[in-house]
Amino acid sequence: MFLFQATSWVGGRALSELKINLLDLSMCISDAVDLVNKAVANHHRQVAYIAYCIGGELGLSEEQQSELLLAGALHDIGALSLKERLYMLNFEVDHPHEHAAIGYRLLKIFQPFSQIAEIIRMHHVAWNNGAGLEFSGKSVPVASHILHLADRVAVSIKKDQEILSQADRICKKIIERSGKMFMPEAVDAFLRLACKESFWFDLVLKSTGAVLPQILPRNMSQSKAAITPTITITITLDGALDLARLFSQIIDFRSRLTATHSSGVAASAEALAKFAGYTSDECKMMKIAGYLHDLGKLAVPAEILEKPASLTKAEFQIIRRHPYLTYRILEAVDELQTINIWGALHHERMDGNGYPFHLKGSDLPEGSRIMAVADVFTAITEDRPYRKGMDEELALKILKRMVLDSALDGDVVSVLASFFEEINRKRIDAQKLALKVYQEFEDEVRKCA
């Protein structure tokens, strides 16, 4: 039997603070984004690897190399649609800065990502336009030029050709643009790396993440733990909330239709947990879970999320994959175990006919049952561009019918019914604030793109 043992304890201690490995989390997020289409599969990992190698070849510090890893893992997070992602695979593109500006705007709100946000913002500035000059009022970091080169090397790789047969062609293309498009010192470092067959083999390894960074020859005697301190951070639950808000914006801001959904679910789930008797820390954990519950939707093309017509069977199957991906993405972060279980299982049903794990009854943790009710409640009461949200009477009628159909937990729905006005007010306030942030986000992106 598939059992989830959810607990608010990790390693025998209360979960009042978290140790988060930002590289592991960033790689998981980028993997989800890369699942949108086979053409972009593994792109973020390849860019992270190339940038890290070039940084090492240039003698950058471990901290700077770590920043390159993180920036590489998240550099295209601002390309919100599949069309944009595919377009950015062209070697030379027009107007490349919009997605970089979006990535910057999203990442800068979480302090540990503030430095890589600056790197990502300018990672398409050409060397002859950015060397010693300013871009949008700021000097272009060397790391941005390294990331630019790494990104363009990665998009030059043809997946259907043997990698060593491509090396000369790629190197020639890069050399022709040294001092123009690319930083000369970074090009020289790349060319030294390109002499090693292992560099190219690592790039096309099925799981490039396995070679980040421990298999590099210059680090063979150095354990992965040696760079971990620059990537692993300890944050309080309040800090984790900031991180969760960041990722909820990456999830939701891909479409105006979903711009406030995670905020509504987070507020509703937190309020439900409070009235169900959860502790203050557990309520914060529930709110984090609400922000992250749709993380797997990063693998759903925005074109499907925004489709005005009915979904095809194949498109609906893509949608059905998202809670499974949420679970697998967050599974890599041990200290998010409980939060993961509460958030990822929001499409399970009491009768076992939900998805993707088909848990039922006592196998489904109470926190997950709360999240399921919060998700449905938010979905039917929030306003959408094509319809108004349901009022209290109709919403409760739908929720109670779902209890009778063994979809939702009756006790949780009873809590919602008892405190409907207060919970709904918290949802409305949270979504109004999220909409304001989204509108400011749109305005800011237009200005700095």
Foldseek 3Di string as FASTA:
>chain_A
DDFADFDCDDPRDGQQKAKDQLLLLLLLLLQLLQLQDVLSHCLLLQLLAQLLQLCVLVPHDLLLSVLSNSLSSCLQLLQLFPVSVVQLLDLDDPPPQLSLLLSLVLQCLQPLRVVSNLLSNQLQPFCVRQPVDDAPRHHHDPSSLSSNLSSSLSSQDDLVDDQLVCLVVSLVVLVVCDVTRGDNSSNVSSVVVSVDPVSRVLSVDVPVVVPVPAPPPVCVVPDPVVSRVSRIDMGGLVSLLSVLQSLLCSLQLSDPQRLQQLLLLLLLLLVLCVLVPHDPSVSSLLSSLSSLLQSSCSSQGVCLVPPPDDDDPVNVVSVQCRLVSSLVSCVSRSSNSNSNLLRSLLQAFQCQPGDDPSDHNPSRDPSVLSSVLSNLLSVQQPCGPVGHHDDPVVSLVVVVVSVVVRGGDPVSSVSCNVCVVVSVVSSVVSSVVSVVVSVVSVVSSVVSD
